[in-house]
Amino acid sequence: MNKENQQRVNLYMMANNKYFQPHQLHIISQKLKEGDEDLMYRLMSLPMKDPVLLLVISLLAGVFGVDRFVVGDVGLGIAKLLTCGGLGIWTIVDWFLIMGRAKDVNFEQVLQIL
């Protein structure tokens, strides 16, 4: 791998590390090093779910399942909506889990491209 490609990989990883779990960063970095420039451009145009924004959404509208709809868990969103967030218990649990779920969704999207 040439120095320019290594710089691109490092720049991508620094700019997007908040969107992934720490153990996922190494996998993404290795796949990017094997890829070409076109792959890097496709990844840069990929819309990522912001974990902090999802936490705010979960705090404000988690009872209605909006946070689960945003990450693409439609079935869980409907269940959460119909049960008023599992009588509030599910909502509180999601305050701790939703950021990790957003990072996992981002990782799955990146792996599809890689």
C-alpha atoms as a PDB file:
ATOM      1  CA  MET A   1       0.000   0.000   0.000  1.00  0.00           C
ATOM      2  CA  ASN A   2       1.356   3.398  -0.916  1.00  0.00           C
ATOM      3  CA  LYS A   3       1.719   6.322   1.460  1.00  0.00           C
ATOM      4  CA  GLU A   4      -1.137   8.293  -0.103  1.00  0.00           C
ATOM      5  CA  ASN A   5      -3.612   5.437   0.392  1.00  0.00           C
ATOM      6  CA  GLN A   6      -2.441   5.015   4.003  1.00  0.00           C
ATOM      7  CA  GLN A   7      -3.103   8.711   4.593  1.00  0.00           C
ATOM      8  CA  ARG A   8      -6.613   8.359   3.161  1.00  0.00           C
ATOM      9  CA  VAL A   9      -7.338   5.407   5.434  1.00  0.00           C
ATOM     10  CA  ASN A  10      -6.037   7.275   8.482  1.00  0.00           C
ATOM     11  CA  LEU A  11      -8.055  10.362   7.604  1.00  0.00           C
ATOM     12  CA  TYR A  12     -11.242   8.337   7.161  1.00  0.00           C
ATOM     13  CA  MET A  13     -10.690   6.519  10.443  1.00  0.00           C
ATOM     14  CA  MET A  14     -10.048   9.749  12.374  1.00  0.00           C
ATOM     15  CA  ALA A  15     -13.073  11.499  10.880  1.00  0.00           C
ATOM     16  CA  ASN A  16     -15.484   8.605  11.460  1.00  0.00           C
ATOM     17  CA  ASN A  17     -14.297   6.788  14.578  1.00  0.00           C
ATOM     18  CA  LYS A  18     -17.230   8.088  16.641  1.00  0.00           C
ATOM     19  CA  TYR A  19     -19.621   6.115  14.443  1.00  0.00           C
ATOM     20  CA  PHE A  20     -18.120   2.698  15.300  1.00  0.00           C
ATOM     21  CA  GLN A  21     -17.305   0.491  18.283  1.00  0.00           C
ATOM     22  CA  PRO A  22     -13.569   0.359  19.141  1.00  0.00           C
ATOM     23  CA  HIS A  23     -13.242  -3.302  18.133  1.00  0.00           C
ATOM     24  CA  GLN A  24     -14.798  -2.542  14.726  1.00  0.00           C
ATOM     25  CA  LEU A  25     -12.231   0.130  13.814  1.00  0.00           C
ATOM     26  CA  HIS A  26      -9.439  -2.367  13.221  1.00  0.00           C
ATOM     27  CA  ILE A  27     -11.578  -4.450  10.865  1.00  0.00           C
ATOM     28  CA  ILE A  28     -12.597  -1.401   8.847  1.00  0.00           C
ATOM     29  CA  SER A  29      -9.015  -0.166   8.664  1.00  0.00           C
ATOM     30  CA  GLN A  30      -7.744  -3.502   7.356  1.00  0.00           C
ATOM     31  CA  LYS A  31     -10.472  -3.706   4.706  1.00  0.00           C
ATOM     32  CA  LEU A  32      -9.785  -0.139   3.577  1.00  0.00           C
ATOM     33  CA  LYS A  33      -6.084  -0.852   3.194  1.00  0.00           C
ATOM     34  CA  GLU A  34      -6.952  -3.688   0.826  1.00  0.00           C
ATOM     35  CA  GLY A  35      -9.391  -1.554  -1.189  1.00  0.00           C
ATOM     36  CA  ASP A  36      -8.924   1.014  -3.900  1.00  0.00           C
ATOM     37  CA  GLU A  37      -9.653   4.726  -4.151  1.00  0.00           C
ATOM     38  CA  ASP A  38     -13.164   4.165  -5.504  1.00  0.00           C
ATOM     39  CA  LEU A  39     -14.065   2.197  -2.381  1.00  0.00           C
ATOM     40  CA  MET A  40     -12.951   5.095  -0.213  1.00  0.00           C
ATOM     41  CA  TYR A  41     -15.166   7.536  -2.111  1.00  0.00           C
ATOM     42  CA  ARG A  42     -18.193   5.251  -1.761  1.00  0.00           C
ATOM     43  CA  LEU A  43     -17.616   5.034   1.986  1.00  0.00           C
ATOM     44  CA  MET A  44     -17.265   8.791   2.332  1.00  0.00           C
ATOM     45  CA  SER A  45     -20.663   9.294   0.728  1.00  0.00           C
ATOM     46  CA  LEU A  46     -22.364   6.790   3.046  1.00  0.00           C
ATOM     47  CA  PRO A  47     -24.750   8.477   5.514  1.00  0.00           C
ATOM     48  CA  MET A  48     -23.956   7.432   9.085  1.00  0.00           C
ATOM     49  CA  LYS A  49     -26.274   7.366  12.078  1.00  0.00           C
ATOM     50  CA  ASP A  50     -24.947   9.660  14.805  1.00  0.00           C
ATOM     51  CA  PRO A  51     -24.989   7.802  18.151  1.00  0.00           C
ATOM     52  CA  VAL A  52     -25.230  10.993  20.219  1.00  0.00           C
ATOM     53  CA  LEU A  53     -28.172  12.265  18.180  1.00  0.00           C
ATOM     54  CA  LEU A  54     -29.898   8.914  18.629  1.00  0.00           C
ATOM     55  CA  LEU A  55     -29.377   9.156  22.389  1.00  0.00           C
ATOM     56  CA  VAL A  56     -31.048  12.569  22.380  1.00  0.00           C
ATOM     57  CA  ILE A  57     -33.919  11.205  20.302  1.00  0.00           C
ATOM     58  CA  SER A  58     -34.216   8.270  22.706  1.00  0.00           C
ATOM     59  CA  LEU A  59     -34.338  10.600  25.696  1.00  0.00           C
ATOM     60  CA  LEU A  60     -37.008  12.806  24.118  1.00  0.00           C
ATOM     61  CA  ALA A  61     -39.171  10.368  22.151  1.00  0.00           C
ATOM     62  CA  GLY A  62     -37.996   6.908  23.172  1.00  0.00           C
ATOM     63  CA  VAL A  63     -41.363   6.053  24.695  1.00  0.00           C
ATOM     64  CA  PHE A  64     -42.865   6.203  21.213  1.00  0.00           C
ATOM     65  CA  GLY A  65     -40.150   4.028  19.629  1.00  0.00           C
ATOM     66  CA  VAL A  66     -38.778   6.789  17.415  1.00  0.00           C
ATOM     67  CA  ASP A  67     -35.203   5.818  18.247  1.00  0.00           C
ATOM     68  CA  ARG A  68     -35.783   2.270  17.007  1.00  0.00           C
ATOM     69  CA  PHE A  69     -37.447   3.504  13.821  1.00  0.00           C
ATOM     70  CA  VAL A  70     -34.413   5.704  13.071  1.00  0.00           C
ATOM     71  CA  VAL A  71     -31.945   2.800  13.315  1.00  0.00           C
ATOM     72  CA  GLY A  72     -34.186   0.638  11.139  1.00  0.00           C
ATOM     73  CA  ASP A  73     -35.661  -1.653  13.784  1.00  0.00           C
ATOM     74  CA  VAL A  74     -39.240  -1.128  12.611  1.00  0.00           C
ATOM     75  CA  GLY A  75     -40.680  -4.147  14.419  1.00  0.00           C
ATOM     76  CA  LEU A  76     -39.155  -3.095  17.720  1.00  0.00           C
ATOM     77  CA  GLY A  77     -40.273   0.479  17.113  1.00  0.00           C
ATOM     78  CA  ILE A  78     -43.886  -0.625  16.643  1.00  0.00           C
ATOM     79  CA  ALA A  79     -43.728  -2.836  19.735  1.00  0.00           C
ATOM     80  CA  LYS A  80     -42.257   0.003  21.746  1.00  0.00           C
ATOM     81  CA  LEU A  81     -44.929   2.377  20.456  1.00  0.00           C
ATOM     82  CA  LEU A  82     -47.795   0.032  21.308  1.00  0.00           C
ATOM     83  CA  THR A  83     -46.500  -0.697  24.822  1.00  0.00           C
ATOM     84  CA  CYS A  84     -45.495   2.911  25.604  1.00  0.00           C
ATOM     85  CA  GLY A  85     -41.877   1.888  25.776  1.00  0.00           C
ATOM     86  CA  GLY A  86     -42.594  -1.287  27.704  1.00  0.00           C
ATOM     87  CA  LEU A  87     -44.277   0.831  30.384  1.00  0.00           C
ATOM     88  CA  GLY A  88     -41.141   2.948  30.514  1.00  0.00           C
ATOM     89  CA  ILE A  89     -38.760   0.113  31.379  1.00  0.00           C
ATOM     90  CA  TRP A  90     -37.764  -0.584  27.784  1.00  0.00           C
ATOM     91  CA  THR A  91     -37.240   3.137  27.247  1.00  0.00           C
ATOM     92  CA  ILE A  92     -34.780   3.343  30.121  1.00  0.00           C
ATOM     93  CA  VAL A  93     -32.912   0.260  28.911  1.00  0.00           C
ATOM     94  CA  ASP A  94     -32.658   1.773  25.431  1.00  0.00           C
ATOM     95  CA  TRP A  95     -31.002   4.886  26.869  1.00  0.00           C
ATOM     96  CA  PHE A  96     -28.020   2.645  27.543  1.00  0.00           C
ATOM     97  CA  LEU A  97     -28.221   0.473  24.411  1.00  0.00           C
ATOM     98  CA  ILE A  98     -29.199   2.809  21.564  1.00  0.00           C
ATOM     99  CA  MET A  99     -25.740   4.288  20.983  1.00  0.00           C
ATOM    100  CA  GLY A 100     -24.238   0.824  20.575  1.00  0.00           C
ATOM    101  CA  ARG A 101     -27.044  -0.181  18.233  1.00  0.00           C
ATOM    102  CA  ALA A 102     -26.415   2.885  16.062  1.00  0.00           C
ATOM    103  CA  LYS A 103     -22.722   2.007  15.834  1.00  0.00           C
ATOM    104  CA  ASP A 104     -23.572  -1.574  14.908  1.00  0.00           C
ATOM    105  CA  VAL A 105     -25.915  -0.382  12.131  1.00  0.00           C
ATOM    106  CA  ASN A 106     -23.146   1.862  10.773  1.00  0.00           C
ATOM    107  CA  PHE A 107     -20.709  -1.059  10.842  1.00  0.00           C
ATOM    108  CA  GLU A 108     -23.137  -3.294   8.968  1.00  0.00           C
ATOM    109  CA  GLN A 109     -23.563  -0.623   6.267  1.00  0.00           C
ATOM    110  CA  VAL A 110     -19.803  -0.228   5.870  1.00  0.00           C
ATOM    111  CA  LEU A 111     -19.287  -3.998   5.650  1.00  0.00           C
ATOM    112  CA  GLN A 112     -21.819  -4.188   2.838  1.00  0.00           C
ATOM    113  CA  ILE A 113     -19.729  -1.761   0.818  1.00  0.00           C
ATOM    114  CA  LEU A 114     -16.421  -3.360   1.762  1.00  0.00           C
END
